[in-house]
């Protein structure tokens, strides 16, 4: 009888140990499956250290909900490493240089260097060896269904200009937002959030702990300005784009491009139990 009882406890222990790891949301909701989150910091010269600090804040929030959080930081954020690291990811967060269109630079009709990530040209060669990987590269990402992309502290992605350059007109800002969103939506993601100035922890929290429409996840950020405007995407059929300027007609530092109808629950359904 004692041997049978011990065997029973042993079987229960093995079953629990072999079960998939589950992480409870901070709110105390029912456990959710492990999601893969990847946080990328591209080379930003002398600012790389501060970008890593912001990325670490995002890491501290994401690790509350899943243990599968990977950092890919300059000087080791080459395209080969980023592509491998993001396979199957549900949430990809990128901080670094942005290169979008329209811009003051030479037109690139295939967007080869536009609307993607500014990464290390070679692994381990410091924080100044930037190579832009644009739309054709983003289409190669193998992400989870209904993945979300968060672009933090980029130029162009939210419609903004580079520091020191004039604020864009609305039509230019909209093209920048739409183009940057298209690079990822056409690769199958649910939404692209661009936050040029603010922190992003509220987005991570709401994605993992609410069933909100993704539009409301974006609207729920701590730095919402109440100057929201929306427009249909030109680049991505059926998609909608949103901006929330600092002032009524200027300050393009927050944007969202997504397929309507997607929710935080859809995001979580993208990683299986």
C-alpha atoms as a PDB file:
ATOM      1  CA  UNK A   1       0.000   0.000   0.000  1.00  0.00           C
ATOM      2  CA  UNK A   2       2.832   2.388   0.880  1.00  0.00           C
ATOM      3  CA  UNK A   3       4.678   1.563  -2.356  1.00  0.00           C
ATOM      4  CA  UNK A   4       1.519   2.191  -4.359  1.00  0.00           C
ATOM      5  CA  UNK A   5       0.976   5.553  -2.690  1.00  0.00           C
ATOM      6  CA  UNK A   6       4.579   6.571  -3.276  1.00  0.00           C
ATOM      7  CA  UNK A   7       4.321   5.553  -6.898  1.00  0.00           C
ATOM      8  CA  UNK A   8       1.186   7.631  -7.244  1.00  0.00           C
ATOM      9  CA  UNK A   9       2.906  10.742  -5.847  1.00  0.00           C
ATOM     10  CA  UNK A  10       5.899  10.127  -8.117  1.00  0.00           C
ATOM     11  CA  UNK A  11       3.644   9.912 -11.183  1.00  0.00           C
ATOM     12  CA  UNK A  12       1.896  13.138 -10.185  1.00  0.00           C
ATOM     13  CA  UNK A  13       5.251  14.896  -9.757  1.00  0.00           C
ATOM     14  CA  UNK A  14       6.481  13.763 -13.168  1.00  0.00           C
ATOM     15  CA  UNK A  15       3.234  14.854 -14.833  1.00  0.00           C
ATOM     16  CA  UNK A  16       3.469  18.339 -13.324  1.00  0.00           C
ATOM     17  CA  UNK A  17       7.142  18.685 -14.177  1.00  0.00           C
ATOM     18  CA  UNK A  18       6.490  17.673 -17.787  1.00  0.00           C
ATOM     19  CA  UNK A  19       3.571  20.057 -18.272  1.00  0.00           C
ATOM     20  CA  UNK A  20       4.089  23.239 -20.320  1.00  0.00           C
ATOM     21  CA  UNK A  21       5.118  26.227 -18.207  1.00  0.00           C
ATOM     22  CA  UNK A  22       2.222  28.546 -17.526  1.00  0.00           C
ATOM     23  CA  UNK A  23       2.466  32.083 -16.239  1.00  0.00           C
ATOM     24  CA  UNK A  24      -0.386  33.842 -14.506  1.00  0.00           C
ATOM     25  CA  UNK A  25      -1.198  37.376 -15.578  1.00  0.00           C
ATOM     26  CA  UNK A  26      -0.414  40.002 -12.962  1.00  0.00           C
ATOM     27  CA  UNK A  27      -4.124  40.684 -12.553  1.00  0.00           C
ATOM     28  CA  UNK A  28      -4.672  37.166 -11.238  1.00  0.00           C
ATOM     29  CA  UNK A  29      -6.535  35.949 -14.300  1.00  0.00           C
ATOM     30  CA  UNK A  30      -6.352  32.327 -15.389  1.00  0.00           C
ATOM     31  CA  UNK A  31      -2.909  31.135 -16.547  1.00  0.00           C
ATOM     32  CA  UNK A  32      -1.863  31.816 -20.103  1.00  0.00           C
ATOM     33  CA  UNK A  33       0.522  29.906 -22.328  1.00  0.00           C
ATOM     34  CA  UNK A  34       4.120  30.902 -22.702  1.00  0.00           C
ATOM     35  CA  UNK A  35       4.486  33.564 -25.387  1.00  0.00           C
ATOM     36  CA  UNK A  36       7.718  34.297 -27.183  1.00  0.00           C
ATOM     37  CA  UNK A  37       8.807  37.921 -26.845  1.00  0.00           C
ATOM     38  CA  UNK A  38      11.903  39.316 -28.570  1.00  0.00           C
ATOM     39  CA  UNK A  39      13.393  42.706 -27.726  1.00  0.00           C
ATOM     40  CA  UNK A  40      15.855  44.137 -30.248  1.00  0.00           C
ATOM     41  CA  UNK A  41      18.184  47.102 -29.801  1.00  0.00           C
ATOM     42  CA  UNK A  42      19.962  48.236 -32.932  1.00  0.00           C
ATOM     43  CA  UNK A  43      23.206  50.243 -33.018  1.00  0.00           C
ATOM     44  CA  UNK A  44      22.541  53.888 -32.125  1.00  0.00           C
ATOM     45  CA  UNK A  45      26.093  55.151 -31.660  1.00  0.00           C
ATOM     46  CA  UNK A  46      26.548  56.869 -28.262  1.00  0.00           C
ATOM     47  CA  UNK A  47      22.819  56.547 -27.504  1.00  0.00           C
ATOM     48  CA  UNK A  48      22.901  52.749 -27.561  1.00  0.00           C
ATOM     49  CA  UNK A  49      23.290  52.555 -23.783  1.00  0.00           C
ATOM     50  CA  UNK A  50      20.147  54.604 -23.149  1.00  0.00           C
ATOM     51  CA  UNK A  51      18.216  52.527 -25.696  1.00  0.00           C
ATOM     52  CA  UNK A  52      19.270  49.369 -23.874  1.00  0.00           C
ATOM     53  CA  UNK A  53      18.031  50.885 -20.617  1.00  0.00           C
ATOM     54  CA  UNK A  54      14.610  51.479 -22.178  1.00  0.00           C
ATOM     55  CA  UNK A  55      14.651  47.971 -23.624  1.00  0.00           C
ATOM     56  CA  UNK A  56      15.405  46.557 -20.196  1.00  0.00           C
ATOM     57  CA  UNK A  57      12.316  48.305 -18.843  1.00  0.00           C
ATOM     58  CA  UNK A  58      10.262  46.508 -21.489  1.00  0.00           C
ATOM     59  CA  UNK A  59      11.984  43.247 -20.558  1.00  0.00           C
ATOM     60  CA  UNK A  60      11.088  43.720 -16.883  1.00  0.00           C
ATOM     61  CA  UNK A  61       7.430  44.063 -17.849  1.00  0.00           C
ATOM     62  CA  UNK A  62       7.331  41.202 -20.356  1.00  0.00           C
ATOM     63  CA  UNK A  63       9.000  38.720 -18.011  1.00  0.00           C
ATOM     64  CA  UNK A  64       6.008  39.058 -15.668  1.00  0.00           C
ATOM     65  CA  UNK A  65       3.875  37.182 -18.189  1.00  0.00           C
ATOM     66  CA  UNK A  66       6.223  34.762 -19.933  1.00  0.00           C
ATOM     67  CA  UNK A  67       9.669  33.353 -19.267  1.00  0.00           C
ATOM     68  CA  UNK A  68      10.424  33.204 -23.005  1.00  0.00           C
ATOM     69  CA  UNK A  69      11.808  36.729 -23.433  1.00  0.00           C
ATOM     70  CA  UNK A  70      14.919  37.119 -25.587  1.00  0.00           C
ATOM     71  CA  UNK A  71      17.195  40.153 -25.785  1.00  0.00           C
ATOM     72  CA  UNK A  72      19.059  40.802 -29.037  1.00  0.00           C
ATOM     73  CA  UNK A  73      21.158  43.890 -28.412  1.00  0.00           C
ATOM     74  CA  UNK A  74      23.832  45.719 -30.383  1.00  0.00           C
ATOM     75  CA  UNK A  75      26.647  44.978 -31.119  1.00  0.00           C
ATOM     76  CA  UNK A  76      25.226  41.500 -31.738  1.00  0.00           C
ATOM     77  CA  UNK A  77      21.948  42.443 -33.438  1.00  0.00           C
ATOM     78  CA  UNK A  78      22.777  41.338 -36.970  1.00  0.00           C
ATOM     79  CA  UNK A  79      20.049  40.341 -39.413  1.00  0.00           C
ATOM     80  CA  UNK A  80      20.956  36.659 -39.206  1.00  0.00           C
ATOM     81  CA  UNK A  81      20.659  36.654 -35.417  1.00  0.00           C
ATOM     82  CA  UNK A  82      17.461  38.738 -35.379  1.00  0.00           C
ATOM     83  CA  UNK A  83      15.757  36.574 -37.977  1.00  0.00           C
ATOM     84  CA  UNK A  84      16.563  33.385 -36.058  1.00  0.00           C
ATOM     85  CA  UNK A  85      15.589  34.864 -32.686  1.00  0.00           C
ATOM     86  CA  UNK A  86      12.185  36.117 -33.855  1.00  0.00           C
ATOM     87  CA  UNK A  87      10.992  32.810 -35.337  1.00  0.00           C
ATOM     88  CA  UNK A  88       7.639  32.057 -33.712  1.00  0.00           C
ATOM     89  CA  UNK A  89       7.568  35.309 -31.728  1.00  0.00           C
ATOM     90  CA  UNK A  90       4.225  36.800 -30.731  1.00  0.00           C
ATOM     91  CA  UNK A  91       5.629  40.165 -29.681  1.00  0.00           C
ATOM     92  CA  UNK A  92       8.644  41.857 -31.250  1.00  0.00           C
ATOM     93  CA  UNK A  93       9.898  45.118 -29.780  1.00  0.00           C
ATOM     94  CA  UNK A  94      12.504  47.113 -31.686  1.00  0.00           C
ATOM     95  CA  UNK A  95      14.450  50.167 -30.520  1.00  0.00           C
ATOM     96  CA  UNK A  96      16.990  51.797 -32.804  1.00  0.00           C
ATOM     97  CA  UNK A  97      17.404  53.872 -35.929  1.00  0.00           C
ATOM     98  CA  UNK A  98      14.444  54.121 -38.284  1.00  0.00           C
ATOM     99  CA  UNK A  99      14.620  54.737 -42.015  1.00  0.00           C
ATOM    100  CA  UNK A 100      11.299  55.458 -43.707  1.00  0.00           C
ATOM    101  CA  UNK A 101       9.701  57.024 -46.741  1.00  0.00           C
ATOM    102  CA  UNK A 102       9.092  59.815 -47.722  1.00  0.00           C
ATOM    103  CA  UNK A 103      12.435  61.146 -46.497  1.00  0.00           C
ATOM    104  CA  UNK A 104      15.146  63.613 -47.620  1.00  0.00           C
ATOM    105  CA  UNK A 105      17.216  60.719 -48.946  1.00  0.00           C
ATOM    106  CA  UNK A 106      17.348  58.882 -52.256  1.00  0.00           C
ATOM    107  CA  UNK A 107      14.136  57.114 -53.214  1.00  0.00           C
ATOM    108  CA  UNK A 108      14.256  53.352 -52.843  1.00  0.00           C
ATOM    109  CA  UNK A 109      11.255  52.067 -54.839  1.00  0.00           C
ATOM    110  CA  UNK A 110      11.616  48.529 -53.494  1.00  0.00           C
ATOM    111  CA  UNK A 111      11.928  49.755 -49.879  1.00  0.00           C
ATOM    112  CA  UNK A 112      15.036  47.610 -49.499  1.00  0.00           C
ATOM    113  CA  UNK A 113      16.428  49.889 -46.803  1.00  0.00           C
ATOM    114  CA  UNK A 114      13.147  51.511 -45.744  1.00  0.00           C
ATOM    115  CA  UNK A 115      10.512  50.636 -43.152  1.00  0.00           C
ATOM    116  CA  UNK A 116      12.296  48.006 -41.136  1.00  0.00           C
ATOM    117  CA  UNK A 117      15.142  47.649 -38.631  1.00  0.00           C
ATOM    118  CA  UNK A 118      18.500  49.378 -38.403  1.00  0.00           C
ATOM    119  CA  UNK A 119      20.734  46.488 -37.351  1.00  0.00           C
ATOM    120  CA  UNK A 120      24.411  45.686 -36.972  1.00  0.00           C
ATOM    121  CA  UNK A 121      26.025  45.149 -40.349  1.00  0.00           C
ATOM    122  CA  UNK A 122      28.245  42.563 -38.684  1.00  0.00           C
ATOM    123  CA  UNK A 123      28.069  40.922 -35.291  1.00  0.00           C
ATOM    124  CA  UNK A 124      30.452  42.266 -32.678  1.00  0.00           C
ATOM    125  CA  UNK A 125      31.668  45.357 -34.528  1.00  0.00           C
ATOM    126  CA  UNK A 126      30.474  48.089 -32.198  1.00  0.00           C
ATOM    127  CA  UNK A 127      27.483  50.411 -32.142  1.00  0.00           C
ATOM    128  CA  UNK A 128      28.147  52.403 -35.314  1.00  0.00           C
ATOM    129  CA  UNK A 129      27.980  49.738 -38.013  1.00  0.00           C
ATOM    130  CA  UNK A 130      24.348  50.256 -39.038  1.00  0.00           C
ATOM    131  CA  UNK A 131      22.756  48.449 -41.940  1.00  0.00           C
ATOM    132  CA  UNK A 132      19.082  49.031 -42.700  1.00  0.00           C
ATOM    133  CA  UNK A 133      16.967  45.988 -43.406  1.00  0.00           C
ATOM    134  CA  UNK A 134      13.748  47.148 -45.021  1.00  0.00           C
ATOM    135  CA  UNK A 135      10.465  45.692 -46.250  1.00  0.00           C
ATOM    136  CA  UNK A 136      11.812  42.709 -48.224  1.00  0.00           C
ATOM    137  CA  UNK A 137      13.606  41.514 -45.105  1.00  0.00           C
ATOM    138  CA  UNK A 138      10.598  42.024 -42.826  1.00  0.00           C
ATOM    139  CA  UNK A 139       8.580  39.761 -45.145  1.00  0.00           C
ATOM    140  CA  UNK A 140      10.998  36.948 -44.242  1.00  0.00           C
ATOM    141  CA  UNK A 141      10.141  37.057 -40.528  1.00  0.00           C
ATOM    142  CA  UNK A 142       8.404  33.886 -39.378  1.00  0.00           C
ATOM    143  CA  UNK A 143       6.240  35.184 -36.539  1.00  0.00           C
ATOM    144  CA  UNK A 144       3.340  33.680 -34.606  1.00  0.00           C
ATOM    145  CA  UNK A 145      -0.231  34.300 -35.845  1.00  0.00           C
ATOM    146  CA  UNK A 146      -1.568  37.749 -34.916  1.00  0.00           C
ATOM    147  CA  UNK A 147       1.830  38.893 -33.697  1.00  0.00           C
ATOM    148  CA  UNK A 148       2.287  42.509 -32.626  1.00  0.00           C
ATOM    149  CA  UNK A 149       5.236  44.751 -33.482  1.00  0.00           C
ATOM    150  CA  UNK A 150       6.196  47.674 -31.226  1.00  0.00           C
ATOM    151  CA  UNK A 151       8.625  50.228 -32.670  1.00  0.00           C
ATOM    152  CA  UNK A 152      10.076  52.430 -29.938  1.00  0.00           C
ATOM    153  CA  UNK A 153      12.164  55.603 -30.311  1.00  0.00           C
ATOM    154  CA  UNK A 154      12.437  55.438 -34.108  1.00  0.00           C
ATOM    155  CA  UNK A 155      12.474  58.188 -36.683  1.00  0.00           C
ATOM    156  CA  UNK A 156       9.823  57.999 -39.442  1.00  0.00           C
ATOM    157  CA  UNK A 157       7.804  55.054 -38.074  1.00  0.00           C
ATOM    158  CA  UNK A 158       5.159  57.212 -36.369  1.00  0.00           C
ATOM    159  CA  UNK A 159       5.267  59.854 -39.102  1.00  0.00           C
ATOM    160  CA  UNK A 160       7.953  61.906 -37.397  1.00  0.00           C
ATOM    161  CA  UNK A 161      11.091  63.448 -38.869  1.00  0.00           C
ATOM    162  CA  UNK A 162      14.654  63.140 -37.675  1.00  0.00           C
ATOM    163  CA  UNK A 163      15.731  65.432 -34.808  1.00  0.00           C
ATOM    164  CA  UNK A 164      16.460  68.920 -36.075  1.00  0.00           C
ATOM    165  CA  UNK A 165      14.339  68.565 -39.207  1.00  0.00           C
ATOM    166  CA  UNK A 166      10.992  70.260 -39.763  1.00  0.00           C
ATOM    167  CA  UNK A 167       7.806  68.567 -38.644  1.00  0.00           C
ATOM    168  CA  UNK A 168       6.167  66.884 -41.649  1.00  0.00           C
ATOM    169  CA  UNK A 169       2.910  67.924 -43.241  1.00  0.00           C
ATOM    170  CA  UNK A 170      -0.002  65.618 -42.530  1.00  0.00           C
ATOM    171  CA  UNK A 171       0.090  63.933 -45.940  1.00  0.00           C
ATOM    172  CA  UNK A 172       3.799  63.122 -45.551  1.00  0.00           C
ATOM    173  CA  UNK A 173       3.371  61.853 -41.993  1.00  0.00           C
ATOM    174  CA  UNK A 174       0.526  59.592 -43.086  1.00  0.00           C
ATOM    175  CA  UNK A 175       2.603  58.094 -45.877  1.00  0.00           C
ATOM    176  CA  UNK A 176       5.409  57.365 -43.440  1.00  0.00           C
ATOM    177  CA  UNK A 177       3.044  55.678 -40.982  1.00  0.00           C
ATOM    178  CA  UNK A 178       1.346  53.672 -43.723  1.00  0.00           C
ATOM    179  CA  UNK A 179       4.606  52.550 -45.311  1.00  0.00           C
ATOM    180  CA  UNK A 180       6.166  51.462 -42.038  1.00  0.00           C
ATOM    181  CA  UNK A 181       3.040  49.543 -41.094  1.00  0.00           C
ATOM    182  CA  UNK A 182       2.842  47.843 -44.475  1.00  0.00           C
ATOM    183  CA  UNK A 183       6.288  46.320 -44.070  1.00  0.00           C
ATOM    184  CA  UNK A 184       5.008  44.201 -41.181  1.00  0.00           C
ATOM    185  CA  UNK A 185       1.287  43.830 -41.921  1.00  0.00           C
ATOM    186  CA  UNK A 186       2.078  42.369 -45.316  1.00  0.00           C
ATOM    187  CA  UNK A 187       4.178  39.808 -43.442  1.00  0.00           C
ATOM    188  CA  UNK A 188       1.068  38.747 -41.512  1.00  0.00           C
ATOM    189  CA  UNK A 189       1.204  40.624 -38.209  1.00  0.00           C
ATOM    190  CA  UNK A 190      -1.949  41.965 -36.558  1.00  0.00           C
ATOM    191  CA  UNK A 191      -0.716  45.426 -35.584  1.00  0.00           C
ATOM    192  CA  UNK A 192       2.242  47.792 -35.664  1.00  0.00           C
ATOM    193  CA  UNK A 193       2.520  50.288 -32.804  1.00  0.00           C
ATOM    194  CA  UNK A 194       5.048  53.112 -33.138  1.00  0.00           C
ATOM    195  CA  UNK A 195       5.908  55.120 -30.039  1.00  0.00           C
ATOM    196  CA  UNK A 196       8.689  57.604 -30.708  1.00  0.00           C
ATOM    197  CA  UNK A 197       9.035  59.201 -27.278  1.00  0.00           C
ATOM    198  CA  UNK A 198       7.135  57.363 -24.581  1.00  0.00           C
ATOM    199  CA  UNK A 199       7.619  54.120 -22.706  1.00  0.00           C
ATOM    200  CA  UNK A 200       5.820  50.979 -23.831  1.00  0.00           C
ATOM    201  CA  UNK A 201       5.144  48.979 -20.677  1.00  0.00           C
ATOM    202  CA  UNK A 202       1.402  49.742 -20.749  1.00  0.00           C
ATOM    203  CA  UNK A 203       1.134  48.104 -24.181  1.00  0.00           C
ATOM    204  CA  UNK A 204       2.824  44.943 -22.939  1.00  0.00           C
ATOM    205  CA  UNK A 205       0.623  44.784 -19.846  1.00  0.00           C
ATOM    206  CA  UNK A 206      -2.621  45.257 -21.749  1.00  0.00           C
ATOM    207  CA  UNK A 207      -1.713  42.729 -24.433  1.00  0.00           C
ATOM    208  CA  UNK A 208      -1.217  40.061 -21.788  1.00  0.00           C
ATOM    209  CA  UNK A 209      -3.909  40.958 -19.265  1.00  0.00           C
ATOM    210  CA  UNK A 210      -6.936  42.315 -21.174  1.00  0.00           C
ATOM    211  CA  UNK A 211      -9.257  41.418 -24.034  1.00  0.00           C
ATOM    212  CA  UNK A 212      -9.282  44.961 -25.381  1.00  0.00           C
ATOM    213  CA  UNK A 213      -9.441  45.738 -29.092  1.00  0.00           C
ATOM    214  CA  UNK A 214      -5.908  46.576 -30.199  1.00  0.00           C
ATOM    215  CA  UNK A 215      -7.054  50.114 -30.968  1.00  0.00           C
ATOM    216  CA  UNK A 216      -7.929  50.504 -27.277  1.00  0.00           C
ATOM    217  CA  UNK A 217      -4.614  49.007 -26.191  1.00  0.00           C
ATOM    218  CA  UNK A 218      -2.992  51.831 -28.153  1.00  0.00           C
ATOM    219  CA  UNK A 219      -5.433  54.419 -26.806  1.00  0.00           C
ATOM    220  CA  UNK A 220      -4.743  53.284 -23.253  1.00  0.00           C
ATOM    221  CA  UNK A 221      -1.100  54.374 -23.253  1.00  0.00           C
ATOM    222  CA  UNK A 222      -0.056  56.697 -20.464  1.00  0.00           C
ATOM    223  CA  UNK A 223       0.874  59.503 -22.891  1.00  0.00           C
ATOM    224  CA  UNK A 224      -2.250  59.614 -25.074  1.00  0.00           C
ATOM    225  CA  UNK A 225      -2.848  63.169 -26.348  1.00  0.00           C
ATOM    226  CA  UNK A 226      -6.461  63.014 -27.512  1.00  0.00           C
ATOM    227  CA  UNK A 227      -5.640  64.197 -31.050  1.00  0.00           C
ATOM    228  CA  UNK A 228      -6.500  60.929 -32.746  1.00  0.00           C
ATOM    229  CA  UNK A 229      -7.100  60.808 -36.486  1.00  0.00           C
ATOM    230  CA  UNK A 230      -7.605  57.698 -38.595  1.00  0.00           C
ATOM    231  CA  UNK A 231      -7.356  56.907 -42.285  1.00  0.00           C
ATOM    232  CA  UNK A 232      -7.571  53.788 -44.478  1.00  0.00           C
ATOM    233  CA  UNK A 233      -4.240  52.288 -45.402  1.00  0.00           C
ATOM    234  CA  UNK A 234      -3.177  52.784 -49.006  1.00  0.00           C
ATOM    235  CA  UNK A 235      -0.443  50.154 -48.823  1.00  0.00           C
ATOM    236  CA  UNK A 236      -2.321  47.346 -47.042  1.00  0.00           C
ATOM    237  CA  UNK A 237      -5.793  46.340 -48.185  1.00  0.00           C
ATOM    238  CA  UNK A 238      -8.381  46.551 -45.406  1.00  0.00           C
ATOM    239  CA  UNK A 239      -5.992  47.998 -42.832  1.00  0.00           C
ATOM    240  CA  UNK A 240      -6.534  51.197 -40.853  1.00  0.00           C
ATOM    241  CA  UNK A 241      -3.939  53.658 -39.626  1.00  0.00           C
ATOM    242  CA  UNK A 242      -4.098  56.040 -36.665  1.00  0.00           C
ATOM    243  CA  UNK A 243      -2.067  58.974 -35.439  1.00  0.00           C
ATOM    244  CA  UNK A 244      -2.223  60.828 -32.130  1.00  0.00           C
ATOM    245  CA  UNK A 245      -0.244  64.039 -32.469  1.00  0.00           C
ATOM    246  CA  UNK A 246       1.200  66.040 -29.578  1.00  0.00           C
ATOM    247  CA  UNK A 247      -0.711  69.084 -30.806  1.00  0.00           C
ATOM    248  CA  UNK A 248      -3.697  69.391 -33.122  1.00  0.00           C
ATOM    249  CA  UNK A 249      -1.631  69.331 -36.314  1.00  0.00           C
ATOM    250  CA  UNK A 250       1.963  68.605 -35.291  1.00  0.00           C
ATOM    251  CA  UNK A 251       4.087  66.210 -33.288  1.00  0.00           C
ATOM    252  CA  UNK A 252       3.774  62.854 -35.018  1.00  0.00           C
ATOM    253  CA  UNK A 253       5.154  60.615 -32.305  1.00  0.00           C
ATOM    254  CA  UNK A 254       2.416  58.005 -31.818  1.00  0.00           C
ATOM    255  CA  UNK A 255       0.828  55.781 -34.462  1.00  0.00           C
ATOM    256  CA  UNK A 256      -0.924  52.484 -35.041  1.00  0.00           C
ATOM    257  CA  UNK A 257      -1.535  50.450 -38.187  1.00  0.00           C
ATOM    258  CA  UNK A 258      -3.612  47.277 -37.943  1.00  0.00           C
ATOM    259  CA  UNK A 259      -6.184  44.982 -39.400  1.00  0.00           C
ATOM    260  CA  UNK A 260      -9.493  46.070 -37.771  1.00  0.00           C
ATOM    261  CA  UNK A 261     -11.225  43.705 -35.396  1.00  0.00           C
ATOM    262  CA  UNK A 262      -8.094  42.319 -33.753  1.00  0.00           C
ATOM    263  CA  UNK A 263      -7.981  42.149 -29.957  1.00  0.00           C
ATOM    264  CA  UNK A 264      -5.532  41.361 -27.189  1.00  0.00           C
ATOM    265  CA  UNK A 265      -7.328  38.012 -26.891  1.00  0.00           C
ATOM    266  CA  UNK A 266      -6.475  37.295 -30.547  1.00  0.00           C
ATOM    267  CA  UNK A 267      -2.866  38.149 -29.790  1.00  0.00           C
ATOM    268  CA  UNK A 268      -2.784  35.624 -26.941  1.00  0.00           C
ATOM    269  CA  UNK A 269      -4.510  33.002 -29.082  1.00  0.00           C
ATOM    270  CA  UNK A 270      -1.533  33.191 -31.428  1.00  0.00           C
ATOM    271  CA  UNK A 271       0.584  31.094 -29.064  1.00  0.00           C
ATOM    272  CA  UNK A 272      -0.823  27.660 -28.400  1.00  0.00           C
ATOM    273  CA  UNK A 273      -1.354  25.930 -25.061  1.00  0.00           C
END
